[in-house]
N, C-alpha and C. Protein backbone atom coordinates (compact mmCIF):
# COMPACT_ATOMS: atom_id res chain seq x y z
N UNK A 1 106.21 126.58 123.54
CA UNK A 1 105.47 127.73 124.02
C UNK A 1 105.81 128.05 125.48
N UNK A 2 106.19 127.04 126.27
CA UNK A 2 106.48 127.29 127.67
C UNK A 2 107.92 127.72 127.91
N UNK A 3 108.77 127.65 126.89
CA UNK A 3 110.17 128.03 127.03
C UNK A 3 111.02 127.02 127.77
N UNK A 4 110.42 125.90 128.19
CA UNK A 4 111.14 124.88 128.94
C UNK A 4 111.33 123.59 128.15
N UNK A 5 110.54 123.41 127.09
CA UNK A 5 110.63 122.20 126.30
C UNK A 5 110.71 122.54 124.82
N UNK A 6 111.32 121.64 124.08
CA UNK A 6 111.42 121.77 122.63
C UNK A 6 111.18 120.42 122.00
N UNK A 7 110.85 120.44 120.72
CA UNK A 7 110.52 119.22 120.00
C UNK A 7 111.37 119.11 118.75
N UNK A 8 111.68 117.88 118.37
CA UNK A 8 112.41 117.61 117.14
C UNK A 8 111.75 116.42 116.45
N UNK A 9 111.39 116.60 115.18
CA UNK A 9 110.85 115.51 114.37
C UNK A 9 111.96 115.04 113.45
N UNK A 10 112.30 113.76 113.55
CA UNK A 10 113.34 113.17 112.71
C UNK A 10 112.69 112.10 111.85
N UNK A 11 112.86 112.22 110.54
CA UNK A 11 112.30 111.21 109.65
C UNK A 11 113.41 110.61 108.79
N UNK A 12 113.25 109.34 108.50
CA UNK A 12 114.20 108.60 107.68
C UNK A 12 113.38 107.81 106.66
N UNK A 13 113.35 108.32 105.44
CA UNK A 13 112.53 107.69 104.39
C UNK A 13 113.35 106.63 103.66
N UNK A 14 112.90 105.40 103.76
CA UNK A 14 113.53 104.26 103.08
C UNK A 14 115.00 104.09 103.45
N UNK A 15 115.36 104.43 104.68
CA UNK A 15 116.74 104.27 105.13
C UNK A 15 117.13 102.82 105.26
N UNK A 16 118.38 102.52 104.94
CA UNK A 16 118.85 101.14 105.00
C UNK A 16 119.43 100.76 106.36
N UNK A 17 119.81 101.76 107.16
CA UNK A 17 120.41 101.49 108.46
C UNK A 17 119.36 101.29 109.54
N UNK A 18 119.83 100.80 110.68
CA UNK A 18 118.94 100.58 111.82
C UNK A 18 119.10 101.64 112.90
N UNK A 19 120.04 102.58 112.72
CA UNK A 19 120.26 103.66 113.68
C UNK A 19 120.37 104.99 112.94
N UNK A 20 119.96 106.06 113.62
CA UNK A 20 120.09 107.41 113.10
C UNK A 20 120.81 108.22 114.17
N UNK A 21 121.81 109.01 113.79
CA UNK A 21 122.53 109.87 114.73
C UNK A 21 122.34 111.32 114.31
N UNK A 22 122.02 112.18 115.29
CA UNK A 22 121.78 113.60 115.04
C UNK A 22 122.50 114.41 116.11
N UNK A 23 123.23 115.45 115.70
CA UNK A 23 123.84 116.37 116.66
C UNK A 23 122.80 117.42 117.04
N UNK A 24 122.59 117.60 118.34
CA UNK A 24 121.58 118.53 118.84
C UNK A 24 122.25 119.47 119.85
N UNK A 25 122.04 120.77 119.67
CA UNK A 25 122.64 121.76 120.57
C UNK A 25 121.54 122.57 121.26
N UNK A 26 121.87 123.09 122.44
CA UNK A 26 120.97 123.98 123.15
C UNK A 26 119.89 123.29 123.96
N UNK A 27 120.06 121.99 124.21
CA UNK A 27 119.09 121.27 125.03
C UNK A 27 119.82 120.57 126.17
N UNK A 28 119.08 120.27 127.24
CA UNK A 28 119.70 119.62 128.40
C UNK A 28 119.53 118.11 128.40
N UNK A 29 118.33 117.64 128.07
CA UNK A 29 118.05 116.21 128.21
C UNK A 29 116.85 115.83 127.35
N UNK A 30 116.75 114.54 127.05
CA UNK A 30 115.58 114.01 126.34
C UNK A 30 114.52 113.67 127.38
N UNK A 31 113.31 114.18 127.18
CA UNK A 31 112.20 113.89 128.08
C UNK A 31 111.38 112.69 127.60
N UNK A 32 111.20 112.57 126.29
CA UNK A 32 110.47 111.44 125.74
C UNK A 32 110.75 111.32 124.25
N UNK A 33 110.46 110.15 123.70
CA UNK A 33 110.60 109.92 122.26
C UNK A 33 109.56 108.89 121.85
N UNK A 34 108.92 109.14 120.73
CA UNK A 34 107.96 108.18 120.18
C UNK A 34 108.38 107.84 118.75
N UNK A 35 108.02 106.64 118.32
CA UNK A 35 108.43 106.11 117.03
C UNK A 35 107.22 105.70 116.22
N UNK A 36 107.27 106.00 114.95
CA UNK A 36 106.25 105.56 113.99
C UNK A 36 106.97 104.87 112.84
N UNK A 37 106.67 103.59 112.63
CA UNK A 37 107.19 102.87 111.47
C UNK A 37 106.12 101.88 111.01
N UNK A 38 106.48 100.94 110.15
CA UNK A 38 105.47 100.03 109.61
C UNK A 38 104.98 98.99 110.62
N UNK A 39 105.61 98.91 111.78
CA UNK A 39 105.16 97.97 112.82
C UNK A 39 104.70 98.67 114.10
N UNK A 40 105.17 99.91 114.32
CA UNK A 40 104.87 100.60 115.58
C UNK A 40 104.23 101.95 115.30
N UNK A 41 103.20 102.30 116.07
CA UNK A 41 102.47 103.54 115.87
C UNK A 41 102.52 104.36 117.16
N UNK A 42 103.38 105.36 117.17
CA UNK A 42 103.55 106.24 118.33
C UNK A 42 103.93 105.47 119.60
N UNK A 43 104.81 104.53 119.44
CA UNK A 43 105.30 103.74 120.58
C UNK A 43 106.42 104.50 121.27
N UNK A 44 106.36 104.59 122.60
CA UNK A 44 107.44 105.21 123.35
C UNK A 44 108.70 104.35 123.23
N UNK A 45 109.82 105.00 122.95
CA UNK A 45 111.09 104.28 122.79
C UNK A 45 112.18 104.99 123.57
N UNK A 46 113.21 104.25 123.92
CA UNK A 46 114.38 104.80 124.57
C UNK A 46 115.35 105.27 123.50
N UNK A 47 116.01 106.37 123.77
CA UNK A 47 117.04 106.90 122.86
C UNK A 47 118.27 107.21 123.69
N UNK A 48 119.38 107.37 123.01
CA UNK A 48 120.64 107.74 123.67
C UNK A 48 120.92 109.21 123.37
N UNK A 49 121.27 109.98 124.41
CA UNK A 49 121.64 111.38 124.23
C UNK A 49 122.86 111.64 125.09
N UNK A 50 124.04 111.64 124.45
CA UNK A 50 125.31 111.80 125.15
C UNK A 50 126.12 112.89 124.46
N UNK A 51 126.53 113.89 125.22
CA UNK A 51 127.37 114.99 124.72
C UNK A 51 126.80 115.62 123.45
N UNK A 52 125.49 115.84 123.44
CA UNK A 52 124.84 116.51 122.31
C UNK A 52 124.57 115.63 121.10
N UNK A 53 124.84 114.34 121.21
CA UNK A 53 124.58 113.43 120.10
C UNK A 53 123.39 112.54 120.44
N UNK A 54 122.34 112.68 119.64
CA UNK A 54 121.12 111.89 119.80
C UNK A 54 121.21 110.68 118.88
N UNK A 55 121.07 109.48 119.44
CA UNK A 55 121.09 108.26 118.65
C UNK A 55 119.74 107.59 118.77
N UNK A 56 119.12 107.37 117.62
CA UNK A 56 117.79 106.78 117.54
C UNK A 56 117.92 105.39 116.95
N UNK A 57 117.36 104.39 117.63
CA UNK A 57 117.46 102.99 117.20
C UNK A 57 116.15 102.60 116.53
N UNK A 58 116.20 102.44 115.20
CA UNK A 58 115.01 102.04 114.45
C UNK A 58 114.70 100.56 114.65
N UNK A 59 115.71 99.75 114.86
CA UNK A 59 115.63 98.30 115.01
C UNK A 59 115.26 97.59 113.72
N UNK A 60 114.75 98.30 112.75
CA UNK A 60 114.41 97.74 111.44
C UNK A 60 114.91 98.70 110.37
N UNK A 61 115.29 98.19 109.23
CA UNK A 61 115.61 99.09 108.13
C UNK A 61 114.29 99.55 107.51
N UNK A 62 114.35 100.59 106.70
CA UNK A 62 113.14 101.13 106.08
C UNK A 62 112.79 102.47 106.67
N UNK A 63 111.59 102.92 106.40
CA UNK A 63 111.15 104.25 106.83
C UNK A 63 110.73 104.27 108.30
N UNK A 64 111.00 105.41 108.95
CA UNK A 64 110.60 105.61 110.34
C UNK A 64 110.61 107.10 110.64
N UNK A 65 109.81 107.48 111.63
CA UNK A 65 109.82 108.86 112.10
C UNK A 65 109.82 108.85 113.62
N UNK A 66 110.61 109.75 114.21
CA UNK A 66 110.69 109.91 115.66
C UNK A 66 110.26 111.32 116.03
N UNK A 67 109.50 111.43 117.10
CA UNK A 67 109.18 112.74 117.68
C UNK A 67 109.83 112.76 119.06
N UNK A 68 110.80 113.66 119.22
CA UNK A 68 111.60 113.70 120.44
C UNK A 68 111.32 115.01 121.19
N UNK A 69 111.05 114.88 122.49
CA UNK A 69 110.80 116.05 123.35
C UNK A 69 112.02 116.27 124.23
N UNK A 70 112.51 117.52 124.26
CA UNK A 70 113.71 117.88 125.00
C UNK A 70 113.40 118.87 126.11
N UNK A 71 114.21 118.82 127.17
CA UNK A 71 114.24 119.88 128.17
C UNK A 71 115.24 120.90 127.68
N UNK A 72 114.84 122.18 127.64
CA UNK A 72 115.73 123.25 127.17
C UNK A 72 116.58 123.80 128.30
């Protein structure tokens, strides 16, 4: 709504890997990221954002969801 931030919800249902990679365009930087899985509930986590590629580290296989806030 403010034109300065954007949000991305990434979900991985029953994924076998421990990392998720997503190409993201039109944003400058990651401001924050939270994780929800079977052990963590809205825990702030660090993510990697290099050259438009967002890498999310689940640390566990299985289902997880990330809510990532970006600077536009």
